């Protein structure tokens, strides 16, 4: 029987790993801006960071089956430690240039998705043989994840202000060693998951794509989700760091803005959990898309800290229930025997636009409409989402 201490330890290690990823996502744009002052470089390098997220949805699923969940988790954190740790090391010795940085950024992300999935598998396997209520354990695990997402950006902003981005990256790199060492110490006490057959990931992905293509309403949901993912990724990882660096000139202000966003997301997720069944999910989904679109449009006109923070908090409110609603829609409409491949394809396609949009927006912000001239990037993305949401409303 798996003890509560082991489950608590796994939740803690998962939280530290999530915190490390949050620190990396915050630090990298600031490092690039410190080195080059160029939004174009930020966009190009972040585009490379998001390529593995898309690729892992197609070819990454078999890693856990091949190597096991514990080793996959450890490999992911070890690669993060090496890739992130090399950045400040090479910087100190004046050997870090953009070509090396793009490789290290790519490597830091290449096993993120399989690593996160592996941690989920480890935790679920231990729950199967424990006497702890599944609802309570999952709730506590989600609470820790949300706390790391909430506190990570603010902590990163404070550490950059006090010690600089290079010292933050040292702290970040060594944080990835904690879950590696923790799993090594716990490994002999962990229950082993049942052996899985290796899956043909590309074939499954294409089967899911065919289903989505043949069902137009589902295809619209996927397209809108991809637009939302693109807009939020551009906003949180590109637009916001440049805004905080060039306009607010404060990493702490960026951390405060991210706290507002995470608070909005957590609040609406809790509300949906208790009240979501009282509303028609299709109408609520259309309402969520419209609210997201309008708040994305509004962010384009925010030129100081508190308007930006309030608008992004409202955006988080709409996002917090839009995500669960998309899951509800897919669960209700996709046949049970196709869910695995369709859900995996959905997860990959919703990330497809992110690595494409990052360099385009970065180049736009540098050469066409710099940040101090109301660049209208978020305005265009919000209008695109608003048009797509209107099309969905007509279809349903």
Protein backbone atom coordinates (compact mmCIF):
# COMPACT_ATOMS: atom_id res chain seq x y z
CA UNK A 1 0.00 0.00 0.00
CA UNK A 2 1.39 3.39 -1.04
CA UNK A 3 1.64 5.78 1.91
CA UNK A 4 0.40 9.35 2.10
CA UNK A 5 4.00 10.52 2.50
CA UNK A 6 4.94 9.11 -0.90
CA UNK A 7 1.95 10.78 -2.57
CA UNK A 8 2.76 14.05 -0.83
CA UNK A 9 6.37 13.77 -2.00
CA UNK A 10 5.30 13.16 -5.60
CA UNK A 11 3.00 16.18 -5.49
CA UNK A 12 5.86 18.29 -4.10
CA UNK A 13 8.31 17.13 -6.79
CA UNK A 14 5.72 17.84 -9.48
CA UNK A 15 5.23 21.33 -8.07
CA UNK A 16 8.97 22.05 -8.10
CA UNK A 17 9.20 20.91 -11.73
CA UNK A 18 6.29 23.16 -12.72
CA UNK A 19 7.93 26.05 -10.86
CA UNK A 20 11.15 25.45 -12.79
CA UNK A 21 9.30 25.59 -16.11
CA UNK A 22 7.53 28.80 -15.04
CA UNK A 23 10.87 30.42 -14.16
CA UNK A 24 12.36 29.38 -17.51
CA UNK A 25 9.42 30.77 -19.48
CA UNK A 26 9.74 34.07 -17.63
CA UNK A 27 13.53 34.36 -17.81
CA UNK A 28 14.26 33.51 -21.46
CA UNK A 29 12.56 36.57 -23.07
CA UNK A 30 14.26 38.88 -20.56
CA UNK A 31 17.64 37.30 -21.31
CA UNK A 32 17.17 37.74 -25.07
CA UNK A 33 16.08 41.36 -24.62
CA UNK A 34 19.06 42.02 -22.33
CA UNK A 35 21.42 40.54 -24.93
CA UNK A 36 19.91 42.04 -28.09
CA UNK A 37 17.09 44.47 -27.25
CA UNK A 38 15.33 42.90 -30.23
CA UNK A 39 11.66 41.75 -30.22
CA UNK A 40 12.41 39.93 -33.49
CA UNK A 41 15.01 37.73 -31.79
CA UNK A 42 12.59 37.02 -28.94
CA UNK A 43 9.92 35.89 -31.41
CA UNK A 44 12.29 33.76 -33.48
CA UNK A 45 13.86 31.99 -30.52
CA UNK A 46 10.53 31.40 -28.78
CA UNK A 47 9.22 29.95 -32.04
CA UNK A 48 11.90 27.28 -31.77
CA UNK A 49 10.91 26.66 -28.15
CA UNK A 50 7.33 25.83 -29.13
CA UNK A 51 8.17 23.51 -32.05
CA UNK A 52 8.81 20.53 -29.70
CA UNK A 53 5.43 21.08 -28.03
CA UNK A 54 3.71 20.38 -31.34
CA UNK A 55 6.04 17.56 -32.38
CA UNK A 56 5.73 15.73 -29.05
CA UNK A 57 1.98 15.41 -29.56
CA UNK A 58 2.72 13.36 -32.69
CA UNK A 59 5.81 11.33 -31.80
CA UNK A 60 6.23 11.76 -28.04
CA UNK A 61 3.56 9.41 -26.73
CA UNK A 62 5.67 6.28 -27.14
CA UNK A 63 8.51 7.53 -24.93
CA UNK A 64 6.71 6.63 -21.71
CA UNK A 65 5.84 3.18 -23.09
CA UNK A 66 9.43 2.61 -24.20
CA UNK A 67 11.39 3.92 -21.20
CA UNK A 68 8.81 3.88 -18.39
CA UNK A 69 7.23 6.83 -16.61
CA UNK A 70 9.94 7.27 -13.94
CA UNK A 71 12.84 7.33 -16.41
CA UNK A 72 10.97 9.59 -18.84
CA UNK A 73 10.30 12.06 -16.02
CA UNK A 74 13.95 11.95 -14.94
CA UNK A 75 15.24 12.33 -18.51
CA UNK A 76 12.99 15.36 -18.99
CA UNK A 77 14.20 17.10 -15.82
CA UNK A 78 17.83 16.16 -16.51
CA UNK A 79 17.68 17.64 -20.01
CA UNK A 80 16.11 20.79 -18.57
CA UNK A 81 18.88 21.01 -15.96
CA UNK A 82 21.63 20.67 -18.58
CA UNK A 83 20.07 22.98 -21.18
CA UNK A 84 19.05 25.73 -18.75
CA UNK A 85 22.28 25.43 -16.74
CA UNK A 86 24.46 25.84 -19.83
CA UNK A 87 22.86 29.21 -20.60
CA UNK A 88 24.31 31.15 -17.61
CA UNK A 89 27.53 29.11 -17.74
CA UNK A 90 28.23 30.05 -21.36
CA UNK A 91 27.08 33.63 -20.72
CA UNK A 92 29.61 34.06 -17.90
CA UNK A 93 32.44 32.94 -20.19
CA UNK A 94 31.15 35.14 -23.04
CA UNK A 95 30.45 32.11 -25.26
CA UNK A 96 26.68 32.47 -25.56
CA UNK A 97 25.37 33.67 -28.91
CA UNK A 98 21.95 33.42 -30.54
CA UNK A 99 22.71 30.22 -32.46
CA UNK A 100 23.74 28.39 -29.28
CA UNK A 101 20.85 29.88 -27.32
CA UNK A 102 18.26 28.67 -29.84
CA UNK A 103 19.62 25.11 -29.56
CA UNK A 104 19.52 25.23 -25.75
CA UNK A 105 15.98 26.66 -25.77
CA UNK A 106 14.87 23.89 -28.13
CA UNK A 107 16.47 21.21 -25.93
CA UNK A 108 14.91 22.64 -22.77
CA UNK A 109 11.44 22.12 -24.28
CA UNK A 110 11.89 18.91 -26.25
CA UNK A 111 10.88 16.55 -23.41
CA UNK A 112 8.57 18.90 -21.49
CA UNK A 113 5.29 17.38 -22.66
CA UNK A 114 6.35 13.71 -22.28
CA UNK A 115 7.91 14.60 -18.91
CA UNK A 116 4.70 16.18 -17.64
CA UNK A 117 2.66 13.21 -18.90
CA UNK A 118 5.11 10.81 -17.21
CA UNK A 119 4.62 12.56 -13.86
CA UNK A 120 0.85 12.22 -14.31
CA UNK A 121 1.26 8.49 -14.99
CA UNK A 122 3.46 8.01 -11.91
CA UNK A 123 0.95 9.79 -9.69
CA UNK A 124 -2.07 7.95 -11.13
CA UNK A 125 -0.32 4.58 -10.71
CA UNK A 126 0.43 5.25 -7.04
CA UNK A 127 -3.16 6.37 -6.44
CA UNK A 128 -4.42 3.05 -7.83
CA UNK A 129 -2.73 1.16 -4.97
CA UNK A 130 -3.18 3.69 -2.16
CA UNK A 131 -5.95 4.15 0.39
CA UNK A 132 -6.15 7.90 -0.23
CA UNK A 133 -9.35 9.23 -1.79
CA UNK A 134 -8.65 9.94 -5.46
CA UNK A 135 -10.68 13.16 -5.43
CA UNK A 136 -8.77 14.54 -2.46
CA UNK A 137 -5.34 13.62 -3.87
CA UNK A 138 -6.10 15.01 -7.34
CA UNK A 139 -7.55 18.16 -5.82
CA UNK A 140 -4.43 18.73 -3.72
CA UNK A 141 -2.21 18.05 -6.73
CA UNK A 142 -4.15 20.56 -8.85
CA UNK A 143 -3.97 23.08 -6.01
CA UNK A 144 -0.16 22.80 -5.88
CA UNK A 145 0.09 23.13 -9.68
CA UNK A 146 -2.11 26.24 -9.61
CA UNK A 147 -0.06 27.70 -6.75
CA UNK A 148 3.16 27.24 -8.75
CA UNK A 149 1.57 28.83 -11.83
CA UNK A 150 0.38 31.69 -9.62
CA UNK A 151 3.58 32.30 -7.65
CA UNK A 152 6.21 31.36 -10.25
CA UNK A 153 6.05 34.51 -12.42
CA UNK A 154 5.98 36.86 -9.41
CA UNK A 155 8.94 35.02 -7.85
CA UNK A 156 10.80 35.24 -11.17
CA UNK A 157 10.14 38.98 -11.42
CA UNK A 158 11.40 39.58 -7.89
CA UNK A 159 14.53 37.45 -8.41
CA UNK A 160 15.39 39.20 -11.69
CA UNK A 161 14.99 42.60 -10.02
CA UNK A 162 17.18 41.62 -7.07
CA UNK A 163 19.80 39.35 -8.63
CA UNK A 164 19.51 39.59 -12.43
CA UNK A 165 18.30 37.13 -15.04
CA UNK A 166 21.54 35.08 -15.11
CA UNK A 167 21.35 34.28 -11.40
CA UNK A 168 17.67 33.41 -11.82
CA UNK A 169 18.64 30.87 -14.50
CA UNK A 170 21.16 29.26 -12.10
CA UNK A 171 18.42 28.92 -9.49
CA UNK A 172 16.05 27.62 -12.16
CA UNK A 173 18.50 25.00 -13.47
CA UNK A 174 19.22 23.50 -10.06
CA UNK A 175 15.50 23.33 -9.24
CA UNK A 176 15.19 20.56 -11.85
CA UNK A 177 17.56 18.35 -9.83
CA UNK A 178 15.10 18.15 -6.92
CA UNK A 179 12.50 15.90 -8.66
CA UNK A 180 15.31 13.78 -10.18
CA UNK A 181 16.87 13.08 -6.78
CA UNK A 182 13.45 12.67 -5.19
CA UNK A 183 12.38 9.97 -7.64
CA UNK A 184 15.71 8.18 -7.20
CA UNK A 185 15.09 8.03 -3.45
CA UNK A 186 11.46 6.93 -3.85
CA UNK A 187 11.88 4.57 -6.79
CA UNK A 188 12.04 1.33 -4.81
CA UNK A 189 8.82 2.26 -2.99
CA UNK A 190 6.81 3.08 -6.13
CA UNK A 191 4.28 0.74 -7.70
CA UNK A 192 5.07 -0.06 -11.32
CA UNK A 193 2.47 0.78 -14.00
CA UNK A 194 1.19 -2.02 -16.26
CA UNK A 195 3.24 -2.61 -19.39
CA UNK A 196 1.87 -0.79 -22.43
CA UNK A 197 2.35 -1.62 -26.07
CA UNK A 198 4.18 0.98 -28.16
CA UNK A 199 1.73 3.07 -30.15
CA UNK A 200 2.03 4.20 -33.76
CA UNK A 201 1.75 7.88 -32.94
CA UNK A 202 1.76 9.34 -36.46
CA UNK A 203 -0.94 6.92 -37.64
CA UNK A 204 -3.08 7.73 -34.59
CA UNK A 205 -2.57 11.46 -35.17
CA UNK A 206 -3.70 11.19 -38.80
CA UNK A 207 -6.76 9.14 -37.79
CA UNK A 208 -7.73 11.85 -35.32
CA UNK A 209 -7.15 14.52 -37.97
CA UNK A 210 -9.50 12.73 -40.41
CA UNK A 211 -12.26 12.63 -37.80
CA UNK A 212 -11.88 16.35 -37.01
CA UNK A 213 -11.84 17.26 -40.71
CA UNK A 214 -15.03 15.30 -41.38
CA UNK A 215 -16.96 16.91 -38.49
CA UNK A 216 -17.15 20.63 -39.22
CA UNK A 217 -18.42 21.73 -35.81
CA UNK A 218 -15.55 19.91 -34.09
CA UNK A 219 -13.15 21.40 -36.64
CA UNK A 220 -14.33 24.91 -35.75
CA UNK A 221 -13.74 24.17 -32.05
CA UNK A 222 -10.19 23.03 -32.86
CA UNK A 223 -9.53 26.10 -35.03
CA UNK A 224 -10.81 28.46 -32.33
CA UNK A 225 -8.75 26.65 -29.71
CA UNK A 226 -5.68 27.04 -31.93
CA UNK A 227 -6.37 30.77 -32.31
CA UNK A 228 -6.76 31.12 -28.52
CA UNK A 229 -3.56 29.18 -27.90
CA UNK A 230 -1.72 31.34 -30.44
CA UNK A 231 -3.08 34.61 -29.01
CA UNK A 232 -2.37 33.68 -25.38
CA UNK A 233 1.11 32.33 -26.15
CA UNK A 234 2.00 35.48 -28.08
CA UNK A 235 0.53 37.64 -25.31
CA UNK A 236 2.06 35.90 -22.29
CA UNK A 237 5.45 34.84 -23.66
CA UNK A 238 6.23 37.55 -26.24
CA UNK A 239 4.03 40.66 -26.05
CA UNK A 240 3.93 40.91 -22.24
CA UNK A 241 7.71 40.49 -21.64
CA UNK A 242 8.47 43.12 -24.30
CA UNK A 243 5.81 45.44 -22.83
CA UNK A 244 7.22 44.95 -19.31
CA UNK A 245 10.80 45.40 -20.51
CA UNK A 246 10.36 48.39 -22.83
CA UNK A 247 7.31 50.22 -21.43
CA UNK A 248 6.99 49.28 -17.74
CA UNK A 249 10.73 48.54 -17.38
CA UNK A 250 10.03 46.20 -14.48
CA UNK A 251 10.07 42.39 -14.25
CA UNK A 252 8.09 42.63 -11.00
CA UNK A 253 5.27 44.38 -12.88
CA UNK A 254 5.20 41.46 -15.31
CA UNK A 255 4.94 39.09 -12.35
CA UNK A 256 2.02 41.11 -10.93
CA UNK A 257 0.21 40.97 -14.27
CA UNK A 258 0.67 37.19 -14.42
CA UNK A 259 -0.74 36.85 -10.89
CA UNK A 260 -3.91 38.64 -12.06
CA UNK A 261 -4.16 36.27 -15.03
CA UNK A 262 -3.69 33.13 -12.94
CA UNK A 263 -6.13 34.40 -10.30
CA UNK A 264 -8.79 34.96 -12.94
CA UNK A 265 -8.26 31.51 -14.42
CA UNK A 266 -8.41 29.78 -11.02
CA UNK A 267 -11.53 31.70 -9.96
CA UNK A 268 -13.58 30.86 -13.04
CA UNK A 269 -12.42 27.23 -13.00
CA UNK A 270 -13.73 26.91 -9.44
CA UNK A 271 -17.02 28.59 -10.40
CA UNK A 272 -17.45 26.30 -13.39
CA UNK A 273 -16.75 23.24 -11.23
CA UNK A 274 -19.72 24.04 -8.98
CA UNK A 275 -22.09 25.91 -11.34
CA UNK A 276 -21.22 24.71 -14.85
CA UNK A 277 -23.99 22.10 -15.00
CA UNK A 278 -26.63 24.81 -14.55
CA UNK A 279 -25.96 26.31 -18.00
CA UNK A 280 -26.09 25.03 -21.57
CA UNK A 281 -22.47 24.25 -22.37
CA UNK A 282 -22.72 25.31 -26.04
CA UNK A 283 -24.03 28.79 -25.26
CA UNK A 284 -21.53 29.13 -22.43
CA UNK A 285 -18.72 28.12 -24.80
CA UNK A 286 -19.74 30.79 -27.33
CA UNK A 287 -19.97 33.33 -24.50
CA UNK A 288 -16.48 32.36 -23.33
CA UNK A 289 -15.01 32.77 -26.81
CA UNK A 290 -16.66 36.19 -27.20
CA UNK A 291 -15.39 37.34 -23.80
CA UNK A 292 -11.87 36.14 -24.59
CA UNK A 293 -11.93 37.90 -27.95
CA UNK A 294 -13.09 41.22 -26.47
CA UNK A 295 -10.53 41.10 -23.65
CA UNK A 296 -7.74 40.27 -26.13
CA UNK A 297 -8.83 43.29 -28.20
CA UNK A 298 -8.93 45.49 -25.08
CA UNK A 299 -5.39 44.53 -24.02
CA UNK A 300 -4.10 46.30 -27.13
CA UNK A 301 -5.12 49.64 -25.61
CA UNK A 302 -3.62 49.08 -22.14
CA UNK A 303 -0.54 51.27 -21.74
CA UNK A 304 0.20 51.00 -18.00
CA UNK A 305 0.40 48.36 -15.28
CA UNK A 306 -3.04 48.34 -13.66
CA UNK A 307 -5.24 48.56 -16.78
CA UNK A 308 -3.15 45.75 -18.29
CA UNK A 309 -3.42 43.66 -15.11
CA UNK A 310 -7.20 44.14 -14.78
CA UNK A 311 -7.89 43.31 -18.42
CA UNK A 312 -5.69 40.22 -18.34
CA UNK A 313 -7.44 39.14 -15.12
CA UNK A 314 -10.78 39.35 -16.95
CA UNK A 315 -9.22 37.38 -19.79
CA UNK A 316 -8.25 34.70 -17.28
CA UNK A 317 -11.86 34.55 -16.06
CA UNK A 318 -13.12 33.72 -19.56
CA UNK A 319 -10.28 31.29 -20.23
CA UNK A 320 -10.84 29.41 -16.96
CA UNK A 321 -14.16 27.95 -18.07
CA UNK A 322 -13.52 27.89 -21.84
CA UNK A 323 -10.93 25.12 -21.46
CA UNK A 324 -13.18 22.74 -19.46
CA UNK A 325 -16.06 23.53 -21.83
CA UNK A 326 -13.99 22.45 -24.84
CA UNK A 327 -13.21 19.20 -23.03
CA UNK A 328 -16.93 18.74 -22.26
CA UNK A 329 -17.85 19.32 -25.90
CA UNK A 330 -15.32 16.78 -27.16
CA UNK A 331 -16.32 14.21 -24.54
CA UNK A 332 -19.98 14.50 -25.55
CA UNK A 333 -19.46 14.36 -29.32
CA UNK A 334 -16.43 12.15 -30.00
CA UNK A 335 -17.18 8.39 -29.97
CA UNK A 336 -15.52 6.57 -27.09
CA UNK A 337 -13.42 4.34 -29.34
CA UNK A 338 -11.94 7.41 -31.09
CA UNK A 339 -11.34 9.66 -28.10
CA UNK A 340 -7.68 8.81 -27.55
CA UNK A 341 -6.55 9.67 -31.06
CA UNK A 342 -8.92 12.66 -31.46
CA UNK A 343 -7.92 14.18 -28.11
CA UNK A 344 -4.22 13.73 -28.90
CA UNK A 345 -4.67 15.30 -32.34
CA UNK A 346 -6.67 18.15 -30.80
CA UNK A 347 -3.81 18.80 -28.36
CA UNK A 348 -1.29 18.92 -31.19
CA UNK A 349 -3.31 21.03 -33.62
CA UNK A 350 -4.11 23.66 -31.00
CA UNK A 351 -0.34 24.29 -30.70
CA UNK A 352 0.30 24.35 -34.45
CA UNK A 353 0.02 28.14 -34.91
CA UNK A 354 2.23 29.07 -31.95
CA UNK A 355 5.72 28.41 -33.42
CA UNK A 356 4.58 30.01 -36.69
CA UNK A 357 3.15 33.16 -35.10
CA UNK A 358 6.00 33.89 -32.67
CA UNK A 359 8.65 34.98 -35.22
CA UNK A 360 6.05 36.81 -37.34
CA UNK A 361 4.84 38.88 -34.38
CA UNK A 362 8.41 39.48 -33.19
CA UNK A 363 9.42 40.84 -36.59
CA UNK A 364 6.24 42.93 -36.73
CA UNK A 365 6.93 44.48 -33.31
CA UNK A 366 10.48 45.37 -34.28
CA UNK A 367 10.23 46.60 -37.84
CA UNK A 368 6.61 47.63 -38.49
CA UNK A 369 4.79 48.67 -35.30
CA UNK A 370 7.06 48.93 -32.24
CA UNK A 371 5.55 48.53 -28.78
CA UNK A 372 5.47 52.30 -28.10
CA UNK A 373 3.25 52.97 -31.15
CA UNK A 374 0.13 50.86 -30.30
CA UNK A 375 1.15 47.86 -32.43
CA UNK A 376 -2.41 46.41 -32.78
CA UNK A 377 -1.16 42.80 -32.65
CA UNK A 378 -3.68 41.73 -30.03
CA UNK A 379 -6.43 43.70 -31.80
CA UNK A 380 -6.02 41.59 -34.94
CA UNK A 381 -5.96 38.32 -32.99
CA UNK A 382 -9.03 39.28 -30.98
CA UNK A 383 -10.98 40.16 -34.13
CA UNK A 384 -9.97 36.83 -35.67
CA UNK A 385 -11.27 34.95 -32.62
CA UNK A 386 -14.46 37.04 -32.53
CA UNK A 387 -15.20 36.18 -36.17
CA UNK A 388 -14.56 32.48 -35.55
CA UNK A 389 -16.76 32.48 -32.45
CA UNK A 390 -19.59 34.02 -34.45
CA UNK A 391 -19.26 31.27 -37.04
CA UNK A 392 -19.45 28.63 -34.29
CA UNK A 393 -22.60 30.26 -32.86
CA UNK A 394 -24.27 29.97 -36.26
CA UNK A 395 -23.26 26.31 -36.57
CA UNK A 396 -24.64 25.26 -33.17
